[in-house]
Full PDB file with SEQRES, HELIX, SHEET, SSBOND, CRYST1, ORIGX, SCALE, CONECT and MASTER records, all heavy atoms in Angstrom:
SEQRES   1 A   31  LYS ARG ALA TRP GLN ASP GLU LYS VAL VAL LEU GLY THR          
SEQRES   2 A   31  SER SER TYR SER ILE GLU PRO LYS PRO ILE GLN ARG PRO          
SEQRES   3 A   31  HIS PRO PRO PHE PHE                                          
CRYST1    1.000    1.000    1.000  90.00  90.00  90.00 P 1           1          
ORIGX1      1.000000  0.000000  0.000000        0.00000                         
ORIGX2      0.000000  1.000000  0.000000        0.00000                         
ORIGX3      0.000000  0.000000  1.000000        0.00000                         
SCALE1      1.000000  0.000000  0.000000        0.00000                         
SCALE2      0.000000  1.000000  0.000000        0.00000                         
SCALE3      0.000000  0.000000  1.000000        0.00000                         
ATOM      1  N   LYS A   1       0.832  -1.207   0.000  1.00  0.00           N  
ATOM      2  CA  LYS A   1       0.000   0.000   0.000  1.00  0.00           C  
ATOM      3  C   LYS A   1       0.865   1.254   0.000  1.00  0.00           C  
ATOM      4  O   LYS A   1       0.555   2.230  -0.692  1.00  0.00           O  
ATOM      5  CB  LYS A   1      -0.921   0.006   1.225  1.00  0.00           C  
ATOM      6  CG  LYS A   1      -2.021  -1.043   1.194  1.00  0.00           C  
ATOM      7  CD  LYS A   1      -2.822  -0.952   2.484  1.00  0.00           C  
ATOM      8  CE  LYS A   1      -3.833  -2.062   2.609  1.00  0.00           C  
ATOM      9  NZ  LYS A   1      -4.579  -1.987   3.889  1.00  0.00           N  
ATOM     10  N   ARG A   2       1.947   1.231   0.789  1.00  0.00           N  
ATOM     11  CA  ARG A   2       2.840   2.390   0.836  1.00  0.00           C  
ATOM     12  C   ARG A   2       3.670   2.501  -0.438  1.00  0.00           C  
ATOM     13  O   ARG A   2       3.859   3.586  -0.982  1.00  0.00           O  
ATOM     14  CB  ARG A   2       3.763   2.303   2.050  1.00  0.00           C  
ATOM     15  CG  ARG A   2       3.053   2.311   3.390  1.00  0.00           C  
ATOM     16  CD  ARG A   2       4.022   2.567   4.531  1.00  0.00           C  
ATOM     17  NE  ARG A   2       5.175   1.680   4.516  1.00  0.00           N  
ATOM     18  CZ  ARG A   2       5.213   0.472   5.091  1.00  0.00           C  
ATOM     19  NH1 ARG A   2       4.132   0.004   5.721  1.00  0.00           N  
ATOM     20  NH2 ARG A   2       6.296  -0.260   5.048  1.00  0.00           N  
ATOM     21  N   ALA A   3       4.168   1.363  -0.904  1.00  0.00           N  
ATOM     22  CA  ALA A   3       5.057   1.374  -2.067  1.00  0.00           C  
ATOM     23  C   ALA A   3       4.365   1.891  -3.319  1.00  0.00           C  
ATOM     24  O   ALA A   3       5.014   2.489  -4.190  1.00  0.00           O  
ATOM     25  CB  ALA A   3       5.594  -0.041  -2.318  1.00  0.00           C  
ATOM     26  N   TRP A   4       3.065   1.666  -3.423  1.00  0.00           N  
ATOM     27  CA  TRP A   4       2.329   2.060  -4.626  1.00  0.00           C  
ATOM     28  C   TRP A   4       1.820   3.497  -4.569  1.00  0.00           C  
ATOM     29  O   TRP A   4       1.141   3.945  -5.483  1.00  0.00           O  
ATOM     30  CB  TRP A   4       1.194   1.075  -4.872  1.00  0.00           C  
ATOM     31  CG  TRP A   4       1.683  -0.247  -5.399  1.00  0.00           C  
ATOM     32  CD1 TRP A   4       2.812  -0.469  -6.115  1.00  0.00           C  
ATOM     33  CD2 TRP A   4       1.054  -1.529  -5.247  1.00  0.00           C  
ATOM     34  NE1 TRP A   4       2.937  -1.805  -6.427  1.00  0.00           N  
ATOM     35  CE2 TRP A   4       1.869  -2.484  -5.905  1.00  0.00           C  
ATOM     36  CE3 TRP A   4      -0.117  -1.970  -4.619  1.00  0.00           C  
ATOM     37  CZ2 TRP A   4       1.554  -3.839  -5.957  1.00  0.00           C  
ATOM     38  CZ3 TRP A   4      -0.431  -3.319  -4.670  1.00  0.00           C  
ATOM     39  CH2 TRP A   4       0.386  -4.235  -5.337  1.00  0.00           C  
ATOM     40  N   GLN A   5       2.135   4.207  -3.498  1.00  0.00           N  
ATOM     41  CA  GLN A   5       1.828   5.631  -3.430  1.00  0.00           C  
ATOM     42  C   GLN A   5       3.046   6.440  -3.880  1.00  0.00           C  
ATOM     43  O   GLN A   5       4.108   5.885  -4.156  1.00  0.00           O  
ATOM     44  CB  GLN A   5       1.413   6.011  -2.010  1.00  0.00           C  
ATOM     45  CG  GLN A   5       0.194   5.233  -1.512  1.00  0.00           C  
ATOM     46  CD  GLN A   5      -0.950   5.218  -2.514  1.00  0.00           C  
ATOM     47  OE1 GLN A   5      -1.419   6.282  -2.924  1.00  0.00           O  
ATOM     48  NE2 GLN A   5      -1.377   4.029  -2.931  1.00  0.00           N  
ATOM     49  N   ASP A   6       2.897   7.743  -3.961  1.00  0.00           N  
ATOM     50  CA  ASP A   6       3.954   8.589  -4.514  1.00  0.00           C  
ATOM     51  C   ASP A   6       5.118   8.812  -3.550  1.00  0.00           C  
ATOM     52  O   ASP A   6       6.218   9.161  -3.975  1.00  0.00           O  
ATOM     53  CB  ASP A   6       3.372   9.946  -4.942  1.00  0.00           C  
ATOM     54  CG  ASP A   6       2.406   9.801  -6.113  1.00  0.00           C  
ATOM     55  OD1 ASP A   6       2.596   8.861  -6.920  1.00  0.00           O  
ATOM     56  OD2 ASP A   6       1.466  10.614  -6.212  1.00  0.00           O  
ATOM     57  N   GLU A   7       4.880   8.614  -2.256  1.00  0.00           N  
ATOM     58  CA  GLU A   7       5.927   8.859  -1.292  1.00  0.00           C  
ATOM     59  C   GLU A   7       6.981   7.747  -1.312  1.00  0.00           C  
ATOM     60  O   GLU A   7       6.692   6.605  -1.688  1.00  0.00           O  
ATOM     61  CB  GLU A   7       5.345   8.969   0.123  1.00  0.00           C  
ATOM     62  CG  GLU A   7       4.438  10.169   0.338  1.00  0.00           C  
ATOM     63  CD  GLU A   7       3.061   9.987  -0.280  1.00  0.00           C  
ATOM     64  OE1 GLU A   7       2.721   8.824  -0.605  1.00  0.00           O  
ATOM     65  OE2 GLU A   7       2.351  10.985  -0.450  1.00  0.00           O  
ATOM     66  N   LYS A   8       8.172   8.088  -0.877  1.00  0.00           N  
ATOM     67  CA  LYS A   8       9.227   7.086  -0.759  1.00  0.00           C  
ATOM     68  C   LYS A   8       8.969   6.189   0.454  1.00  0.00           C  
ATOM     69  O   LYS A   8       8.253   6.561   1.382  1.00  0.00           O  
ATOM     70  CB  LYS A   8      10.591   7.778  -0.606  1.00  0.00           C  
ATOM     71  CG  LYS A   8      11.049   8.518  -1.858  1.00  0.00           C  
ATOM     72  CD  LYS A   8      12.431   9.118  -1.644  1.00  0.00           C  
ATOM     73  CE  LYS A   8      12.918   9.814  -2.909  1.00  0.00           C  
ATOM     74  NZ  LYS A   8      14.290  10.387  -2.729  1.00  0.00           N  
ATOM     75  N   VAL A   9       9.562   5.002   0.418  1.00  0.00           N  
ATOM     76  CA  VAL A   9       9.452   4.073   1.542  1.00  0.00           C  
ATOM     77  C   VAL A   9      10.854   3.796   2.078  1.00  0.00           C  
ATOM     78  O   VAL A   9      11.845   3.809   1.337  1.00  0.00           O  
ATOM     79  CB  VAL A   9       8.765   2.753   1.148  1.00  0.00           C  
ATOM     80  CG1 VAL A   9       7.339   3.007   0.734  1.00  0.00           C  
ATOM     81  CG2 VAL A   9       9.526   2.049   0.027  1.00  0.00           C  
ATOM     82  N   VAL A  10      10.940   3.547   3.364  1.00  0.00           N  
ATOM     83  CA  VAL A  10      12.223   3.281   4.010  1.00  0.00           C  
ATOM     84  C   VAL A  10      12.573   1.809   3.841  1.00  0.00           C  
ATOM     85  O   VAL A  10      11.785   0.918   4.172  1.00  0.00           O  
ATOM     86  CB  VAL A  10      12.170   3.647   5.506  1.00  0.00           C  
ATOM     87  CG1 VAL A  10      13.493   3.273   6.186  1.00  0.00           C  
ATOM     88  CG2 VAL A  10      11.871   5.125   5.677  1.00  0.00           C  
ATOM     89  N   LEU A  11      13.767   1.565   3.317  1.00  0.00           N  
ATOM     90  CA  LEU A  11      14.300   0.214   3.180  1.00  0.00           C  
ATOM     91  C   LEU A  11      15.721   0.235   3.742  1.00  0.00           C  
ATOM     92  O   LEU A  11      16.610   0.857   3.147  1.00  0.00           O  
ATOM     93  CB  LEU A  11      14.306  -0.226   1.719  1.00  0.00           C  
ATOM     94  CG  LEU A  11      12.942  -0.348   1.034  1.00  0.00           C  
ATOM     95  CD1 LEU A  11      13.101  -0.549  -0.460  1.00  0.00           C  
ATOM     96  CD2 LEU A  11      12.148  -1.500   1.638  1.00  0.00           C  
ATOM     97  N   GLY A  12      15.906  -0.408   4.874  1.00  0.00           N  
ATOM     98  CA  GLY A  12      17.210  -0.359   5.514  1.00  0.00           C  
ATOM     99  C   GLY A  12      17.483   1.040   6.048  1.00  0.00           C  
ATOM    100  O   GLY A  12      16.695   1.598   6.807  1.00  0.00           O  
ATOM    101  N   THR A  13      18.587   1.619   5.607  1.00  0.00           N  
ATOM    102  CA  THR A  13      18.974   2.941   6.091  1.00  0.00           C  
ATOM    103  C   THR A  13      18.653   4.056   5.105  1.00  0.00           C  
ATOM    104  O   THR A  13      19.002   5.217   5.347  1.00  0.00           O  
ATOM    105  CB  THR A  13      20.487   2.967   6.382  1.00  0.00           C  
ATOM    106  OG1 THR A  13      21.205   2.659   5.166  1.00  0.00           O  
ATOM    107  CG2 THR A  13      20.851   1.959   7.463  1.00  0.00           C  
ATOM    108  N   SER A  14      17.982   3.711   3.998  1.00  0.00           N  
ATOM    109  CA  SER A  14      17.679   4.713   2.974  1.00  0.00           C  
ATOM    110  C   SER A  14      16.208   4.675   2.594  1.00  0.00           C  
ATOM    111  O   SER A  14      15.479   3.728   2.935  1.00  0.00           O  
ATOM    112  CB  SER A  14      18.541   4.484   1.727  1.00  0.00           C  
ATOM    113  OG  SER A  14      19.912   4.545   2.033  1.00  0.00           O  
ATOM    114  N   SER A  15      15.767   5.706   1.873  1.00  0.00           N  
ATOM    115  CA  SER A  15      14.397   5.775   1.376  1.00  0.00           C  
ATOM    116  C   SER A  15      14.413   5.680  -0.150  1.00  0.00           C  
ATOM    117  O   SER A  15      15.296   6.251  -0.807  1.00  0.00           O  
ATOM    118  CB  SER A  15      13.745   7.092   1.806  1.00  0.00           C  
ATOM    119  OG  SER A  15      13.632   7.146   3.209  1.00  0.00           O  
ATOM    120  N   TYR A  16      13.432   4.983  -0.687  1.00  0.00           N  
ATOM    121  CA  TYR A  16      13.385   4.762  -2.129  1.00  0.00           C  
ATOM    122  C   TYR A  16      11.964   4.941  -2.640  1.00  0.00           C  
ATOM    123  O   TYR A  16      10.988   4.679  -1.927  1.00  0.00           O  
ATOM    124  CB  TYR A  16      13.843   3.342  -2.481  1.00  0.00           C  
ATOM    125  CG  TYR A  16      15.234   3.001  -2.020  1.00  0.00           C  
ATOM    126  CD1 TYR A  16      15.449   2.413  -0.768  1.00  0.00           C  
ATOM    127  CD2 TYR A  16      16.332   3.260  -2.821  1.00  0.00           C  
ATOM    128  CE1 TYR A  16      16.728   2.083  -0.343  1.00  0.00           C  
ATOM    129  CE2 TYR A  16      17.624   2.933  -2.410  1.00  0.00           C  
ATOM    130  CZ  TYR A  16      17.812   2.355  -1.173  1.00  0.00           C  
ATOM    131  OH  TYR A  16      19.068   2.040  -0.749  1.00  0.00           O  
ATOM    132  N   SER A  17      11.847   5.327  -3.896  1.00  0.00           N  
ATOM    133  CA  SER A  17      10.570   5.324  -4.591  1.00  0.00           C  
ATOM    134  C   SER A  17      10.472   4.018  -5.375  1.00  0.00           C  
ATOM    135  O   SER A  17      11.309   3.735  -6.232  1.00  0.00           O  
ATOM    136  CB  SER A  17      10.469   6.517  -5.545  1.00  0.00           C  
ATOM    137  OG  SER A  17       9.238   6.469  -6.250  1.00  0.00           O  
ATOM    138  N   ILE A  18       9.479   3.215  -5.040  1.00  0.00           N  
ATOM    139  CA  ILE A  18       9.276   1.946  -5.733  1.00  0.00           C  
ATOM    140  C   ILE A  18       8.594   2.245  -7.065  1.00  0.00           C  
ATOM    141  O   ILE A  18       7.517   2.845  -7.099  1.00  0.00           O  
ATOM    142  CB  ILE A  18       8.428   0.982  -4.891  1.00  0.00           C  
ATOM    143  CG1 ILE A  18       9.042   0.811  -3.501  1.00  0.00           C  
ATOM    144  CG2 ILE A  18       8.277  -0.349  -5.593  1.00  0.00           C  
ATOM    145  CD1 ILE A  18      10.412   0.215  -3.470  1.00  0.00           C  
ATOM    146  N   GLU A  19       9.194   1.821  -8.152  1.00  0.00           N  
ATOM    147  CA  GLU A  19       8.669   2.116  -9.480  1.00  0.00           C  
ATOM    148  C   GLU A  19       8.426   0.826 -10.251  1.00  0.00           C  
ATOM    149  O   GLU A  19       9.118  -0.174 -10.026  1.00  0.00           O  
ATOM    150  CB  GLU A  19       9.657   2.994 -10.260  1.00  0.00           C  
ATOM    151  CG  GLU A  19       9.922   4.351  -9.623  1.00  0.00           C  
ATOM    152  CD  GLU A  19       8.724   5.283  -9.659  1.00  0.00           C  
ATOM    153  OE1 GLU A  19       7.836   5.054 -10.507  1.00  0.00           O  
ATOM    154  OE2 GLU A  19       8.681   6.224  -8.846  1.00  0.00           O  
ATOM    155  N   PRO A  20       7.449   0.873 -11.191  1.00  0.00           N  
ATOM    156  CA  PRO A  20       6.549   2.000 -11.479  1.00  0.00           C  
ATOM    157  C   PRO A  20       5.412   2.073 -10.469  1.00  0.00           C  
ATOM    158  O   PRO A  20       5.292   1.196  -9.604  1.00  0.00           O  
ATOM    159  CB  PRO A  20       6.014   1.648 -12.862  1.00  0.00           C  
ATOM    160  CG  PRO A  20       5.965   0.147 -12.861  1.00  0.00           C  
ATOM    161  CD  PRO A  20       7.175  -0.291 -12.061  1.00  0.00           C  
ATOM    162  N   LYS A  21       4.589   3.101 -10.605  1.00  0.00           N  
ATOM    163  CA  LYS A  21       3.369   3.208  -9.819  1.00  0.00           C  
ATOM    164  C   LYS A  21       2.218   2.637 -10.645  1.00  0.00           C  
ATOM    165  O   LYS A  21       2.162   2.840 -11.853  1.00  0.00           O  
ATOM    166  CB  LYS A  21       3.073   4.663  -9.458  1.00  0.00           C  
ATOM    167  CG  LYS A  21       4.195   5.358  -8.710  1.00  0.00           C  
ATOM    168  CD  LYS A  21       4.546   4.678  -7.393  1.00  0.00           C  
ATOM    169  CE  LYS A  21       5.648   5.444  -6.657  1.00  0.00           C  
ATOM    170  NZ  LYS A  21       6.084   4.725  -5.426  1.00  0.00           N  
ATOM    171  N   PRO A  22       1.307   1.917 -10.001  1.00  0.00           N  
ATOM    172  CA  PRO A  22       0.207   1.317 -10.770  1.00  0.00           C  
ATOM    173  C   PRO A  22      -0.749   2.359 -11.328  1.00  0.00           C  
ATOM    174  O   PRO A  22      -0.867   3.469 -10.805  1.00  0.00           O  
ATOM    175  CB  PRO A  22      -0.485   0.417  -9.750  1.00  0.00           C  
ATOM    176  CG  PRO A  22      -0.145   1.009  -8.419  1.00  0.00           C  
ATOM    177  CD  PRO A  22       1.221   1.600  -8.561  1.00  0.00           C  
ATOM    178  N   ILE A  23      -1.438   1.969 -12.394  1.00  0.00           N  
ATOM    179  CA  ILE A  23      -2.475   2.816 -12.985  1.00  0.00           C  
ATOM    180  C   ILE A  23      -3.660   2.945 -12.038  1.00  0.00           C  
ATOM    181  O   ILE A  23      -4.196   4.032 -11.829  1.00  0.00           O  
ATOM    182  CB  ILE A  23      -2.945   2.220 -14.323  1.00  0.00           C  
ATOM    183  CG1 ILE A  23      -1.823   2.309 -15.373  1.00  0.00           C  
ATOM    184  CG2 ILE A  23      -4.215   2.902 -14.825  1.00  0.00           C  
ATOM    185  CD1 ILE A  23      -1.542   3.693 -15.865  1.00  0.00           C  
ATOM    186  N   GLN A  24      -4.106   1.822 -11.479  1.00  0.00           N  
ATOM    187  CA  GLN A  24      -5.277   1.833 -10.594  1.00  0.00           C  
ATOM    188  C   GLN A  24      -4.887   2.475  -9.256  1.00  0.00           C  
ATOM    189  O   GLN A  24      -3.876   2.120  -8.671  1.00  0.00           O  
ATOM    190  CB  GLN A  24      -5.792   0.413 -10.380  1.00  0.00           C  
ATOM    191  CG  GLN A  24      -6.250  -0.253 -11.673  1.00  0.00           C  
ATOM    192  CD  GLN A  24      -6.722  -1.675 -11.440  1.00  0.00           C  
ATOM    193  OE1 GLN A  24      -7.889  -1.917 -11.151  1.00  0.00           O  
ATOM    194  NE2 GLN A  24      -5.815  -2.632 -11.583  1.00  0.00           N  
ATOM    195  N   ARG A  25      -5.714   3.392  -8.817  1.00  0.00           N  
ATOM    196  CA  ARG A  25      -5.427   4.121  -7.598  1.00  0.00           C  
ATOM    197  C   ARG A  25      -6.519   3.898  -6.563  1.00  0.00           C  
ATOM    198  O   ARG A  25      -7.690   3.831  -6.938  1.00  0.00           O  
ATOM    199  CB  ARG A  25      -5.294   5.622  -7.901  1.00  0.00           C  
ATOM    200  CG  ARG A  25      -4.288   5.943  -8.975  1.00  0.00           C  
ATOM    201  CD  ARG A  25      -2.892   5.480  -8.668  1.00  0.00           C  
ATOM    202  NE  ARG A  25      -2.154   6.461  -7.872  1.00  0.00           N  
ATOM    203  CZ  ARG A  25      -0.945   6.237  -7.355  1.00  0.00           C  
ATOM    204  NH1 ARG A  25      -0.361   5.076  -7.529  1.00  0.00           N  
ATOM    205  NH2 ARG A  25      -0.343   7.177  -6.663  1.00  0.00           N  
ATOM    206  N   PRO A  26      -6.164   3.732  -5.297  1.00  0.00           N  
ATOM    207  CA  PRO A  26      -4.810   3.853  -4.773  1.00  0.00           C  
ATOM    208  C   PRO A  26      -3.898   2.671  -5.088  1.00  0.00           C  
ATOM    209  O   PRO A  26      -2.689   2.762  -4.947  1.00  0.00           O  
ATOM    210  CB  PRO A  26      -5.033   3.973  -3.269  1.00  0.00           C  
ATOM    211  CG  PRO A  26      -6.304   3.220  -3.037  1.00  0.00           C  
ATOM    212  CD  PRO A  26      -7.161   3.500  -4.235  1.00  0.00           C  
ATOM    213  N   HIS A  27      -4.491   1.567  -5.528  1.00  0.00           N  
ATOM    214  CA  HIS A  27      -3.697   0.395  -5.903  1.00  0.00           C  
ATOM    215  C   HIS A  27      -4.630  -0.602  -6.584  1.00  0.00           C  
ATOM    216  O   HIS A  27      -5.868  -0.483  -6.496  1.00  0.00           O  
ATOM    217  CB  HIS A  27      -3.039  -0.237  -4.668  1.00  0.00           C  
ATOM    218  CG  HIS A  27      -3.992  -0.524  -3.540  1.00  0.00           C  
ATOM    219  ND1 HIS A  27      -4.937  -1.531  -3.583  1.00  0.00           N  
ATOM    220  CD2 HIS A  27      -4.164   0.078  -2.332  1.00  0.00           C  
ATOM    221  CE1 HIS A  27      -5.630  -1.547  -2.457  1.00  0.00           C  
ATOM    222  NE2 HIS A  27      -5.173  -0.574  -1.673  1.00  0.00           N  
ATOM    223  N   PRO A  28      -4.095  -1.610  -7.278  1.00  0.00           N  
ATOM    224  CA  PRO A  28      -4.957  -2.666  -7.820  1.00  0.00           C  
ATOM    225  C   PRO A  28      -5.785  -3.296  -6.703  1.00  0.00           C  
ATOM    226  O   PRO A  28      -5.330  -3.390  -5.556  1.00  0.00           O  
ATOM    227  CB  PRO A  28      -3.955  -3.669  -8.403  1.00  0.00           C  
ATOM    228  CG  PRO A  28      -2.749  -2.847  -8.718  1.00  0.00           C  
ATOM    229  CD  PRO A  28      -2.679  -1.817  -7.625  1.00  0.00           C  
ATOM    230  N   PRO A  29      -7.015  -3.702  -6.994  1.00  0.00           N  
ATOM    231  CA  PRO A  29      -7.884  -4.245  -5.944  1.00  0.00           C  
ATOM    232  C   PRO A  29      -7.313  -5.506  -5.317  1.00  0.00           C  
ATOM    233  O   PRO A  29      -6.771  -6.359  -6.006  1.00  0.00           O  
ATOM    234  CB  PRO A  29      -9.203  -4.523  -6.675  1.00  0.00           C  
ATOM    235  CG  PRO A  29      -8.833  -4.603  -8.117  1.00  0.00           C  
ATOM    236  CD  PRO A  29      -7.674  -3.689  -8.313  1.00  0.00           C  
ATOM    237  N   PHE A  30      -7.458  -5.611  -3.999  1.00  0.00           N  
ATOM    238  CA  PHE A  30      -6.977  -6.762  -3.245  1.00  0.00           C  
ATOM    239  C   PHE A  30      -8.120  -7.784  -3.121  1.00  0.00           C  
ATOM    240  O   PHE A  30      -9.222  -7.455  -2.681  1.00  0.00           O  
ATOM    241  CB  PHE A  30      -6.547  -6.359  -1.836  1.00  0.00           C  
ATOM    242  CG  PHE A  30      -5.255  -5.590  -1.761  1.00  0.00           C  
ATOM    243  CD1 PHE A  30      -4.585  -5.174  -2.898  1.00  0.00           C  
ATOM    244  CD2 PHE A  30      -4.706  -5.281  -0.522  1.00  0.00           C  
ATOM    245  CE1 PHE A  30      -3.404  -4.469  -2.818  1.00  0.00           C  
ATOM    246  CE2 PHE A  30      -3.520  -4.571  -0.425  1.00  0.00           C  
ATOM    247  CZ  PHE A  30      -2.862  -4.162  -1.571  1.00  0.00           C  
ATOM    248  N   PHE A  31      -7.821  -9.034  -3.469  1.00  0.00           N  
ATOM    249  CA  PHE A  31      -8.738 -10.151  -3.263  1.00  0.00           C  
ATOM    250  C   PHE A  31      -8.029 -11.149  -2.353  1.00  0.00           C  
ATOM    251  O   PHE A  31      -6.899 -11.552  -2.633  1.00  0.00           O  
ATOM    252  CB  PHE A  31      -9.096 -10.812  -4.594  1.00  0.00           C  
ATOM    253  CG  PHE A  31      -9.920  -9.931  -5.495  1.00  0.00           C  
ATOM    254  CD1 PHE A  31      -9.315  -8.968  -6.290  1.00  0.00           C  
ATOM    255  CD2 PHE A  31     -11.299 -10.068  -5.558  1.00  0.00           C  
ATOM    256  CE1 PHE A  31     -10.060  -8.148  -7.117  1.00  0.00           C  
ATOM    257  CE2 PHE A  31     -12.057  -9.252  -6.390  1.00  0.00           C  
ATOM    258  CZ  PHE A  31     -11.441  -8.293  -7.170  1.00  0.00           C  
TER     259      PHE A  31                                                      
MASTER        0    0    0    0    0    0    0    6  258    1    0    3          
END                                                                             
């Protein structure tokens, strides 16, 4: 949920933007 938003996410000691971002917002539907 966090990775598919525009904000960066913390991984280890750094922050990264997970790319790409999905077309469906806020994310593809969860089943």
